[in-house]
C-alpha atoms as a PDB file:
ATOM      1  CA  MET A   1       8.533  -5.993 109.718  1.00  0.00           C
ATOM      2  CA  ILE A   2      11.670  -5.195 112.006  1.00  0.00           C
ATOM      3  CA  GLU A   3      11.334  -2.932 114.915  1.00  0.00           C
ATOM      4  CA  MET A   4      13.697  -0.549 113.976  1.00  0.00           C
ATOM      5  CA  LYS A   5      14.799   1.639 117.088  1.00  0.00           C
ATOM      6  CA  LYS A   6      18.156   4.118 117.825  1.00  0.00           C
ATOM      7  CA  MET A   7      20.703   1.806 119.294  1.00  0.00           C
ATOM      8  CA  ILE A   8      23.960   3.040 120.944  1.00  0.00           C
ATOM      9  CA  THR A   9      27.668   1.245 120.511  1.00  0.00           C
ATOM     10  CA  ASP A  10      30.624   2.171 121.028  1.00  0.00           C
ATOM     11  CA  ASN A  11      31.087   4.983 118.650  1.00  0.00           C
ATOM     12  CA  THR A  12      27.880   4.678 116.076  1.00  0.00           C
ATOM     13  CA  VAL A  13      24.877   5.954 116.606  1.00  0.00           C
ATOM     14  CA  HIS A  14      22.660   3.782 114.383  1.00  0.00           C
ATOM     15  CA  TYR A  15      19.012   5.137 113.477  1.00  0.00           C
ATOM     16  CA  PHE A  16      16.587   3.216 111.654  1.00  0.00           C
ATOM     17  CA  GLY A  17      19.086   0.858 109.216  1.00  0.00           C
ATOM     18  CA  TYR A  18      22.088   3.680 108.932  1.00  0.00           C
ATOM     19  CA  SER A  19      24.882   4.663 111.280  1.00  0.00           C
ATOM     20  CA  ILE A  20      25.941   7.604 112.569  1.00  0.00           C
ATOM     21  CA  MET A  21      29.197   7.797 113.654  1.00  0.00           C
ATOM     22  CA  LYS A  22      29.940   9.621 117.105  1.00  0.00           C
ATOM     23  CA  ARG A  23      33.221  10.715 115.536  1.00  0.00           C
ATOM     24  CA  LYS A  24      31.183  12.084 112.372  1.00  0.00           C
ATOM     25  CA  ARG A  25      33.203  12.914 109.388  1.00  0.00           C
ATOM     26  CA  LYS A  26      34.327  16.546 108.846  1.00  0.00           C
ATOM     27  CA  HIS A  27      31.291  17.727 106.725  1.00  0.00           C
ATOM     28  CA  PHE A  28      28.222  15.432 108.491  1.00  0.00           C
ATOM     29  CA  ILE A  29      25.548  17.316 109.306  1.00  0.00           C
ATOM     30  CA  GLN A  30      23.554  15.350 111.680  1.00  0.00           C
ATOM     31  CA  SER A  31      20.632  17.614 111.885  1.00  0.00           C
ATOM     32  CA  LEU A  32      19.670  16.168 108.286  1.00  0.00           C
ATOM     33  CA  ALA A  33      20.593  12.716 109.070  1.00  0.00           C
ATOM     34  CA  ARG A  34      17.934  12.625 111.979  1.00  0.00           C
ATOM     35  CA  GLY A  35      15.559  14.522 109.583  1.00  0.00           C
ATOM     36  CA  LEU A  36      16.307  11.538 107.587  1.00  0.00           C
ATOM     37  CA  SER A  37      15.275   9.344 109.884  1.00  0.00           C
ATOM     38  CA  ILE A  38      11.708  10.754 110.432  1.00  0.00           C
ATOM     39  CA  LEU A  39      11.156   9.511 106.989  1.00  0.00           C
ATOM     40  CA  GLN A  40      12.106   6.015 107.608  1.00  0.00           C
ATOM     41  CA  THR A  41       9.800   5.422 110.193  1.00  0.00           C
ATOM     42  CA  PHE A  42       7.398   4.768 107.881  1.00  0.00           C
ATOM     43  CA  SER A  43       6.528   1.527 106.501  1.00  0.00           C
ATOM     44  CA  SER A  44       3.594  -0.489 104.379  1.00  0.00           C
ATOM     45  CA  GLU A  45       3.072  -1.554 108.027  1.00  0.00           C
ATOM     46  CA  ARG A  46       3.027   1.730 109.515  1.00  0.00           C
ATOM     47  CA  PRO A  47       1.677   4.482 106.809  1.00  0.00           C
ATOM     48  CA  LYS A  48       0.438   7.085 109.390  1.00  0.00           C
ATOM     49  CA  LEU A  49       2.081   8.242 112.402  1.00  0.00           C
ATOM     50  CA  THR A  50       1.246  10.994 114.962  1.00  0.00           C
ATOM     51  CA  LEU A  51       3.785  13.501 116.079  1.00  0.00           C
ATOM     52  CA  THR A  52       4.192  11.043 119.244  1.00  0.00           C
ATOM     53  CA  GLN A  53       4.332   8.027 117.637  1.00  0.00           C
ATOM     54  CA  LEU A  54       7.182   9.378 115.854  1.00  0.00           C
ATOM     55  CA  ALA A  55       9.028  11.479 118.584  1.00  0.00           C
ATOM     56  CA  THR A  56       8.628   7.809 120.814  1.00  0.00           C
ATOM     57  CA  ILE A  57      10.132   5.517 117.444  1.00  0.00           C
ATOM     58  CA  THR A  58      13.036   7.909 116.947  1.00  0.00           C
ATOM     59  CA  GLU A  59      13.464   8.870 120.629  1.00  0.00           C
ATOM     60  CA  MET A  60      13.477  11.953 119.541  1.00  0.00           C
ATOM     61  CA  ASN A  61      12.095  15.208 121.722  1.00  0.00           C
ATOM     62  CA  ARG A  62       8.367  16.417 120.240  1.00  0.00           C
ATOM     63  CA  PRO A  63       9.644  20.110 119.585  1.00  0.00           C
ATOM     64  CA  ALA A  64      12.323  18.849 117.559  1.00  0.00           C
ATOM     65  CA  VAL A  65      10.001  16.084 115.423  1.00  0.00           C
ATOM     66  CA  GLN A  66       7.865  19.104 115.332  1.00  0.00           C
ATOM     67  CA  ARG A  67      10.270  20.903 113.296  1.00  0.00           C
ATOM     68  CA  PHE A  68      11.327  17.926 111.078  1.00  0.00           C
ATOM     69  CA  THR A  69       8.059  17.344 109.962  1.00  0.00           C
ATOM     70  CA  ASP A  70       7.241  20.878 109.490  1.00  0.00           C
ATOM     71  CA  THR A  71      10.409  21.637 107.048  1.00  0.00           C
ATOM     72  CA  LEU A  72       9.280  18.274 105.569  1.00  0.00           C
ATOM     73  CA  ILE A  73       5.746  18.873 105.085  1.00  0.00           C
ATOM     74  CA  GLU A  74       7.166  22.515 103.292  1.00  0.00           C
ATOM     75  CA  LEU A  75       9.438  20.459 100.836  1.00  0.00           C
ATOM     76  CA  GLY A  76       6.460  17.808 100.022  1.00  0.00           C
ATOM     77  CA  PHE A  77       8.242  14.761 101.834  1.00  0.00           C
ATOM     78  CA  LEU A  78       5.208  14.222 104.319  1.00  0.00           C
ATOM     79  CA  GLY A  79       1.878  15.244 104.010  1.00  0.00           C
ATOM     80  CA  ARG A  80      -0.667  15.353 107.448  1.00  0.00           C
ATOM     81  CA  ASN A  81      -4.767  14.847 107.600  1.00  0.00           C
ATOM     82  CA  LYS A  82      -7.479  16.112 109.578  1.00  0.00           C
ATOM     83  CA  HIS A  83      -6.792  13.725 112.273  1.00  0.00           C
ATOM     84  CA  LYS A  84      -3.177  15.314 112.602  1.00  0.00           C
ATOM     85  CA  GLU A  85      -1.282  11.863 111.339  1.00  0.00           C
ATOM     86  CA  PHE A  86       1.554  12.185 109.172  1.00  0.00           C
ATOM     87  CA  PHE A  87       2.128   9.992 105.897  1.00  0.00           C
ATOM     88  CA  LEU A  88       4.707   9.582 103.099  1.00  0.00           C
ATOM     89  CA  GLY A  89       4.239  12.444 100.453  1.00  0.00           C
ATOM     90  CA  PRO A  90       4.917  12.405  96.571  1.00  0.00           C
ATOM     91  CA  LYS A  91       8.538  13.715  96.633  1.00  0.00           C
ATOM     92  CA  VAL A  92       9.613  10.612  98.171  1.00  0.00           C
ATOM     93  CA  LEU A  93       7.474   8.597  95.587  1.00  0.00           C
ATOM     94  CA  SER A  94       9.177  10.469  92.786  1.00  0.00           C
ATOM     95  CA  LEU A  95      12.461  10.085  94.262  1.00  0.00           C
ATOM     96  CA  GLY A  96      12.192   6.277  94.659  1.00  0.00           C
ATOM     97  CA  PHE A  97      11.039   5.871  91.219  1.00  0.00           C
ATOM     98  CA  ALA A  98      13.665   8.446  89.845  1.00  0.00           C
ATOM     99  CA  TYR A  99      16.178   5.864  91.339  1.00  0.00           C
ATOM    100  CA  LEU A 100      14.627   2.897  90.059  1.00  0.00           C
ATOM    101  CA  GLN A 101      14.022   3.812  86.383  1.00  0.00           C
ATOM    102  CA  GLY A 102      17.042   5.423  86.319  1.00  0.00           C
ATOM    103  CA  SER A 103      18.966   2.127  87.860  1.00  0.00           C
ATOM    104  CA  GLU A 104      21.857   1.549  85.016  1.00  0.00           C
ATOM    105  CA  LEU A 105      21.126  -2.093  85.807  1.00  0.00           C
ATOM    106  CA  THR A 106      17.486  -1.727  85.405  1.00  0.00           C
ATOM    107  CA  LYS A 107      18.480   0.107  81.743  1.00  0.00           C
ATOM    108  CA  LEU A 108      20.875  -2.546  80.937  1.00  0.00           C
ATOM    109  CA  VAL A 109      18.944  -5.660  81.516  1.00  0.00           C
ATOM    110  CA  GLY A 110      14.849  -4.768  81.898  1.00  0.00           C
ATOM    111  CA  GLY A 111      14.200  -5.058  78.295  1.00  0.00           C
ATOM    112  CA  TYR A 112      16.233  -8.460  78.341  1.00  0.00           C
ATOM    113  CA  LEU A 113      13.532  -9.514  81.591  1.00  0.00           C
ATOM    114  CA  ALA A 114      10.876  -8.248  79.973  1.00  0.00           C
ATOM    115  CA  GLU A 115      11.248 -10.452  76.327  1.00  0.00           C
ATOM    116  CA  PHE A 116      12.371 -13.400  78.307  1.00  0.00           C
ATOM    117  CA  SER A 117       9.274 -13.021  80.592  1.00  0.00           C
ATOM    118  CA  GLU A 118       6.789 -12.823  77.620  1.00  0.00           C
ATOM    119  CA  ARG A 119       8.636 -15.737  75.949  1.00  0.00           C
ATOM    120  CA  ILE A 120       7.987 -17.929  78.565  1.00  0.00           C
ATOM    121  CA  GLY A 121       4.651 -16.713  80.048  1.00  0.00           C
ATOM    122  CA  ARG A 122       5.454 -16.036  83.500  1.00  0.00           C
ATOM    123  CA  THR A 123       6.305 -13.332  86.211  1.00  0.00           C
ATOM    124  CA  VAL A 124      10.164 -12.164  85.986  1.00  0.00           C
ATOM    125  CA  ASN A 125      11.499 -10.103  89.038  1.00  0.00           C
ATOM    126  CA  MET A 126      15.144  -8.501  89.650  1.00  0.00           C
ATOM    127  CA  SER A 127      15.952  -7.693  93.226  1.00  0.00           C
ATOM    128  CA  ILE A 128      18.316  -6.346  95.381  1.00  0.00           C
ATOM    129  CA  LEU A 129      18.557  -6.866  99.199  1.00  0.00           C
ATOM    130  CA  ASP A 130      17.744  -3.992 101.422  1.00  0.00           C
ATOM    131  CA  ASP A 131      18.848  -5.163 105.082  1.00  0.00           C
ATOM    132  CA  THR A 132      16.373  -8.547 105.892  1.00  0.00           C
ATOM    133  CA  GLU A 133      13.895  -7.244 102.752  1.00  0.00           C
ATOM    134  CA  ILE A 134      14.654  -7.457  99.308  1.00  0.00           C
ATOM    135  CA  VAL A 135      13.424  -4.748  96.854  1.00  0.00           C
ATOM    136  CA  PHE A 136      11.853  -5.495  93.634  1.00  0.00           C
ATOM    137  CA  LEU A 137      14.673  -3.288  90.682  1.00  0.00           C
ATOM    138  CA  TYR A 138      11.762  -4.507  87.760  1.00  0.00           C
ATOM    139  CA  ARG A 139       9.031  -6.435  87.311  1.00  0.00           C
ATOM    140  CA  HIS A 140       7.305  -8.542  84.301  1.00  0.00           C
ATOM    141  CA  GLU A 141       4.017  -9.493  86.126  1.00  0.00           C
ATOM    142  CA  VAL A 142       2.072 -11.978  83.473  1.00  0.00           C
ATOM    143  CA  HIS A 143       0.180 -14.055  85.883  1.00  0.00           C
ATOM    144  CA  ARG A 144      -1.271 -12.901  89.152  1.00  0.00           C
ATOM    145  CA  PHE A 145      -1.012 -15.560  91.978  1.00  0.00           C
ATOM    146  CA  LEU A 146      -1.190 -13.220  94.700  1.00  0.00           C
ATOM    147  CA  LYS A 147      -3.419 -10.558  95.796  1.00  0.00           C
ATOM    148  CA  TYR A 148      -0.253  -8.020  96.481  1.00  0.00           C
ATOM    149  CA  ASP A 149      -0.082  -5.215  93.984  1.00  0.00           C
ATOM    150  CA  LEU A 150       3.343  -5.751  93.531  1.00  0.00           C
ATOM    151  CA  ARG A 151       6.140  -3.376  91.418  1.00  0.00           C
ATOM    152  CA  ALA A 152       9.115  -1.797  91.217  1.00  0.00           C
ATOM    153  CA  GLY A 153       9.992  -0.826  94.602  1.00  0.00           C
ATOM    154  CA  SER A 154       7.911  -3.344  96.440  1.00  0.00           C
ATOM    155  CA  LYS A 155       9.849  -4.798  99.219  1.00  0.00           C
ATOM    156  CA  LEU A 156       8.970  -8.774 100.657  1.00  0.00           C
ATOM    157  CA  PRO A 157      10.927 -10.479 103.473  1.00  0.00           C
ATOM    158  CA  SER A 158      13.890 -12.086 102.127  1.00  0.00           C
ATOM    159  CA  HIS A 159      13.601 -15.262 104.377  1.00  0.00           C
ATOM    160  CA  CYS A 160      10.694 -17.110 102.426  1.00  0.00           C
ATOM    161  CA  THR A 161      11.796 -14.994  98.527  1.00  0.00           C
ATOM    162  CA  ALA A 162      13.433 -17.303  96.359  1.00  0.00           C
ATOM    163  CA  SER A 163      15.539 -13.656  95.164  1.00  0.00           C
ATOM    164  CA  GLY A 164      15.964 -13.614  98.848  1.00  0.00           C
ATOM    165  CA  LYS A 165      17.823 -16.691  99.426  1.00  0.00           C
ATOM    166  CA  VAL A 166      19.624 -16.330  96.712  1.00  0.00           C
ATOM    167  CA  LEU A 167      21.057 -13.069  97.931  1.00  0.00           C
ATOM    168  CA  LEU A 168      21.418 -13.973 101.478  1.00  0.00           C
ATOM    169  CA  SER A 169      23.784 -16.877 100.287  1.00  0.00           C
ATOM    170  CA  SER A 170      26.118 -14.010  98.552  1.00  0.00           C
ATOM    171  CA  LEU A 171      27.032 -12.583 102.232  1.00  0.00           C
ATOM    172  CA  ALA A 172      30.053 -13.701 103.941  1.00  0.00           C
ATOM    173  CA  ASP A 173      29.173 -15.995 106.499  1.00  0.00           C
ATOM    174  CA  VAL A 174      29.713 -13.442 109.445  1.00  0.00           C
ATOM    175  CA  GLU A 175      27.827 -11.079 107.973  1.00  0.00           C
ATOM    176  CA  LEU A 176      24.658 -13.378 106.944  1.00  0.00           C
ATOM    177  CA  MET A 177      24.789 -14.311 110.774  1.00  0.00           C
ATOM    178  CA  GLU A 178      24.416 -11.055 112.039  1.00  0.00           C
ATOM    179  CA  ARG A 179      21.977 -10.313 109.512  1.00  0.00           C
ATOM    180  CA  MET A 180      20.063 -13.388 110.719  1.00  0.00           C
ATOM    181  CA  LYS A 181      19.821 -12.399 113.576  1.00  0.00           C
ATOM    182  CA  ASP A 182      17.962  -9.298 112.878  1.00  0.00           C
ATOM    183  CA  MET A 183      15.186 -11.194 111.272  1.00  0.00           C
ATOM    184  CA  ASN A 184      11.673 -11.156 111.848  1.00  0.00           C
ATOM    185  CA  LEU A 185      10.834 -14.978 110.635  1.00  0.00           C
ATOM    186  CA  GLU A 186       7.360 -14.338 110.503  1.00  0.00           C
ATOM    187  CA  ARG A 187       5.224 -17.801 109.320  1.00  0.00           C
ATOM    188  CA  MET A 188       3.589 -16.933 106.013  1.00  0.00           C
ATOM    189  CA  THR A 189       2.718 -20.225 105.129  1.00  0.00           C
ATOM    190  CA  SER A 190       2.760 -23.680 106.953  1.00  0.00           C
ATOM    191  CA  HIS A 191       5.684 -24.170 104.488  1.00  0.00           C
ATOM    192  CA  THR A 192       7.703 -21.380 106.020  1.00  0.00           C
ATOM    193  CA  ILE A 193      10.938 -21.815 107.533  1.00  0.00           C
ATOM    194  CA  VAL A 194      11.102 -19.731 110.966  1.00  0.00           C
ATOM    195  CA  GLU A 195      14.169 -21.537 112.634  1.00  0.00           C
ATOM    196  CA  ARG A 196      16.908 -19.738 112.431  1.00  0.00           C
ATOM    197  CA  GLU A 197      19.162 -23.477 111.823  1.00  0.00           C
ATOM    198  CA  LYS A 198      16.871 -24.551 109.280  1.00  0.00           C
ATOM    199  CA  LEU A 199      16.722 -21.106 107.217  1.00  0.00           C
ATOM    200  CA  LYS A 200      20.484 -21.580 107.992  1.00  0.00           C
ATOM    201  CA  GLU A 201      20.825 -24.673 106.375  1.00  0.00           C
ATOM    202  CA  ASP A 202      18.749 -23.853 103.792  1.00  0.00           C
ATOM    203  CA  ILE A 203      20.869 -20.778 102.584  1.00  0.00           C
ATOM    204  CA  LEU A 204      23.778 -22.618 102.923  1.00  0.00           C
ATOM    205  CA  HIS A 205      22.265 -25.351 100.546  1.00  0.00           C
ATOM    206  CA  THR A 206      21.166 -22.243  98.235  1.00  0.00           C
ATOM    207  CA  ARG A 207      25.077 -21.465  97.947  1.00  0.00           C
ATOM    208  CA  ALA A 208      26.616 -24.829  97.360  1.00  0.00           C
ATOM    209  CA  LYS A 209      23.821 -24.855  94.164  1.00  0.00           C
ATOM    210  CA  GLY A 210      23.990 -21.405  92.966  1.00  0.00           C
ATOM    211  CA  ILE A 211      20.381 -21.612  92.868  1.00  0.00           C
ATOM    212  CA  ALA A 212      17.162 -21.058  95.488  1.00  0.00           C
ATOM    213  CA  ILE A 213      14.194 -23.049  95.139  1.00  0.00           C
ATOM    214  CA  CYS A 214      11.008 -21.260  97.375  1.00  0.00           C
ATOM    215  CA  ASP A 215       8.423 -23.818  97.291  1.00  0.00           C
ATOM    216  CA  ARG A 216       4.856 -22.676  98.606  1.00  0.00           C
ATOM    217  CA  GLU A 217       7.011 -20.452 101.599  1.00  0.00           C
ATOM    218  CA  PHE A 218       5.473 -17.268 100.469  1.00  0.00           C
ATOM    219  CA  SER A 219       2.468 -18.025  99.314  1.00  0.00           C
ATOM    220  CA  LEU A 220       0.616 -21.583  99.158  1.00  0.00           C
ATOM    221  CA  ALA A 221      -0.033 -20.562  95.438  1.00  0.00           C
ATOM    222  CA  LEU A 222       3.496 -19.358  94.675  1.00  0.00           C
ATOM    223  CA  TYR A 223       6.743 -21.624  93.481  1.00  0.00           C
ATOM    224  CA  SER A 224       9.548 -19.369  92.959  1.00  0.00           C
ATOM    225  CA  ILE A 225      12.997 -20.061  91.459  1.00  0.00           C
ATOM    226  CA  GLY A 226      16.023 -17.398  91.592  1.00  0.00           C
ATOM    227  CA  VAL A 227      19.197 -16.928  90.621  1.00  0.00           C
ATOM    228  CA  PRO A 228      22.026 -14.776  90.879  1.00  0.00           C
ATOM    229  CA  LEU A 229      23.447 -11.816  88.434  1.00  0.00           C
ATOM    230  CA  LEU A 230      27.039 -11.812  88.495  1.00  0.00           C
ATOM    231  CA  ASN A 231      29.532  -9.071  87.219  1.00  0.00           C
ATOM    232  CA  HIS A 232      32.942  -8.994  85.839  1.00  0.00           C
ATOM    233  CA  GLU A 233      34.035  -9.434  89.842  1.00  0.00           C
ATOM    234  CA  LYS A 234      32.218 -12.040  90.501  1.00  0.00           C
ATOM    235  CA  LYS A 235      29.950 -10.403  92.966  1.00  0.00           C
ATOM    236  CA  VAL A 236      26.106 -10.977  93.216  1.00  0.00           C
ATOM    237  CA  ILE A 237      24.500  -7.743  92.390  1.00  0.00           C
ATOM    238  CA  ALA A 238      21.323  -8.744  92.089  1.00  0.00           C
ATOM    239  CA  ALA A 239      18.954 -11.717  91.748  1.00  0.00           C
ATOM    240  CA  VAL A 240      16.665 -12.963  89.041  1.00  0.00           C
ATOM    241  CA  ASN A 241      13.210 -14.603  89.653  1.00  0.00           C
ATOM    242  CA  LEU A 242      10.420 -16.593  87.956  1.00  0.00           C
ATOM    243  CA  SER A 243       7.610 -17.329  89.391  1.00  0.00           C
ATOM    244  CA  MET A 244       4.649 -20.479  88.423  1.00  0.00           C
ATOM    245  CA  SER A 245       1.894 -21.477  90.234  1.00  0.00           C
ATOM    246  CA  ALA A 246       2.601 -23.991  92.747  1.00  0.00           C
ATOM    247  CA  GLU A 247       0.447 -26.878  91.477  1.00  0.00           C
ATOM    248  CA  GLU A 248       2.483 -27.073  87.990  1.00  0.00           C
ATOM    249  CA  ALA A 249       5.390 -26.624  89.539  1.00  0.00           C
ATOM    250  CA  SER A 250       6.276 -30.651  89.016  1.00  0.00           C
ATOM    251  CA  GLY A 251       7.884 -32.986  86.716  1.00  0.00           C
ATOM    252  CA  SER A 252       8.686 -31.714  82.498  1.00  0.00           C
ATOM    253  CA  VAL A 253       6.761 -27.887  83.503  1.00  0.00           C
ATOM    254  CA  LEU A 254       9.286 -27.354  86.693  1.00  0.00           C
ATOM    255  CA  ASP A 255      12.363 -28.525  85.012  1.00  0.00           C
ATOM    256  CA  ASP A 256      11.729 -26.371  81.619  1.00  0.00           C
ATOM    257  CA  ALA A 257      10.831 -23.467  84.211  1.00  0.00           C
ATOM    258  CA  THR A 258      14.435 -24.410  85.752  1.00  0.00           C
ATOM    259  CA  ARG A 259      16.692 -24.599  82.703  1.00  0.00           C
ATOM    260  CA  GLU A 260      15.080 -21.426  81.347  1.00  0.00           C
ATOM    261  CA  ILE A 261      15.781 -19.375  84.446  1.00  0.00           C
ATOM    262  CA  VAL A 262      19.472 -20.720  84.396  1.00  0.00           C
ATOM    263  CA  GLU A 263      19.793 -20.031  81.084  1.00  0.00           C
ATOM    264  CA  GLN A 264      18.944 -16.331  81.513  1.00  0.00           C
ATOM    265  CA  GLY A 265      20.872 -15.862  84.684  1.00  0.00           C
ATOM    266  CA  ARG A 266      23.502 -16.738  82.592  1.00  0.00           C
ATOM    267  CA  LYS A 267      23.405 -14.420  79.764  1.00  0.00           C
ATOM    268  CA  LEU A 268      22.527 -11.466  81.770  1.00  0.00           C
ATOM    269  CA  SER A 269      25.364 -12.061  83.944  1.00  0.00           C
ATOM    270  CA  ARG A 270      27.647 -12.696  80.975  1.00  0.00           C
ATOM    271  CA  LEU A 271      26.605  -9.204  79.481  1.00  0.00           C
ATOM    272  CA  MET A 272      27.510  -7.929  82.898  1.00  0.00           C
ATOM    273  CA  GLY A 273      31.408  -9.001  81.942  1.00  0.00           C
ATOM    274  CA  TYR A 274      31.136 -12.527  84.206  1.00  0.00           C
ATOM    275  CA  ASN A 275      32.574 -15.492  82.959  1.00  0.00           C
ATOM    276  CA  GLY A 276      33.005 -17.911  85.664  1.00  0.00           C
ATOM    277  CA  THR A 277      30.918 -21.124  85.567  1.00  0.00           C
ATOM    278  CA  TYR A 278      27.298 -21.151  86.468  1.00  0.00           C
ATOM    279  CA  PRO A 279      24.800 -20.915  88.294  1.00  0.00           C
ATOM    280  CA  GLU A 280      27.657 -20.155  91.296  1.00  0.00           C
ATOM    281  CA  ILE A 281      27.073 -17.875  94.395  1.00  0.00           C
ATOM    282  CA  PRO A 282      30.570 -17.392  96.075  1.00  0.00           C
ATOM    283  CA  GLU A 283      30.294 -16.821  99.790  1.00  0.00           C
ATOM    284  CA  GLY A 284      31.502 -13.089 100.392  1.00  0.00           C
ATOM    285  CA  SER A 285      30.126 -12.009  96.677  1.00  0.00           C
ATOM    286  CA  SER A 286      27.542  -9.847  97.544  1.00  0.00           C
ATOM    287  CA  GLY A 287      28.355  -6.603  95.518  1.00  0.00           C
ATOM    288  CA  GLY A 288      27.153  -3.465  93.593  1.00  0.00           C
ATOM    289  CA  ILE A 289      27.485  -2.777  89.706  1.00  0.00           C
END
C-alpha cells in the first residue's frame, strides 16, 4: 500500500489521493474535505489508528483531528475501542455497498457474469482502477485458490493482476508513467514483475494484444486472464477477468479459457454499445460509463 501524505504543489494541496485547489471553487468546504481525509487514512494495512497516528499521517493538529473524529463517531463513520484506537464504522461499509450495489455497470452486466462464471466453472471478476489498485465491482467465485476472502469492494495491486494490467494499459502514456512512479511494486511471488521498465513493457504488450495475462504473479496458485470492457465511445470502463489454477493453465484448457473470456468481453462490450474490433485497448481510452 502506498504511504500517502499531504503534498503541496503550485496551486493544489493533495490529501490522500484527491486534490484541494488553493484557489477553491466558490462552494468548496475545505473542512469537509479534511474530515473525509481522516476516513481515507484507514486501509487493510492500517485498520486501527490512534489520535496521534491520525494527526501524524494527515499532518493536522491533534485538536482538529479530535473534533473530526468525535463528529465521525457520532455519525457512525468511525468507532473507538478501549485502547483509544479508531476504526471505520458501519456507515462507511453501508455507503460502499450502496455504491457497488447501485453501480449501473454492475446492474447491467452482473447477471451475465454470474451466468458465464457458472457455465465455465471459473471465478470471474469485474474491476475498475483506483489510483494504483484495482477495486472489484463484481465477483462470482466458483473455486477458491487464494486464502483471501475477496468480494465486491476488495482491492488488489494493479501491477500483478490481469485486470490491473488491462486498466493500466488503457491510460495515456503520460498518465501511465505518472501512475507508475507512485506504485509500490511489492513482490508477491517470485514471478511478480517489480522492475518498472519491465512492468512498462508488459503493460504496453497488454495494450498491443488487447488481453492481459497474469501467470503466478499475485499467487503461485493462480493464473488469470483479463480483457477490457469498452463502451460506445471506445472507452475502457472496466476489466473482466477469469481465474484458474496455475497447474491447469496450459494446452487446450488454457486455449479454451482464453477464447471464453475474450468472447464474453466482446459480448459485454457490444452490450455497452462498442462496435469496434475486439479485443482492443486504445491508448488513453480509460473512461467512465
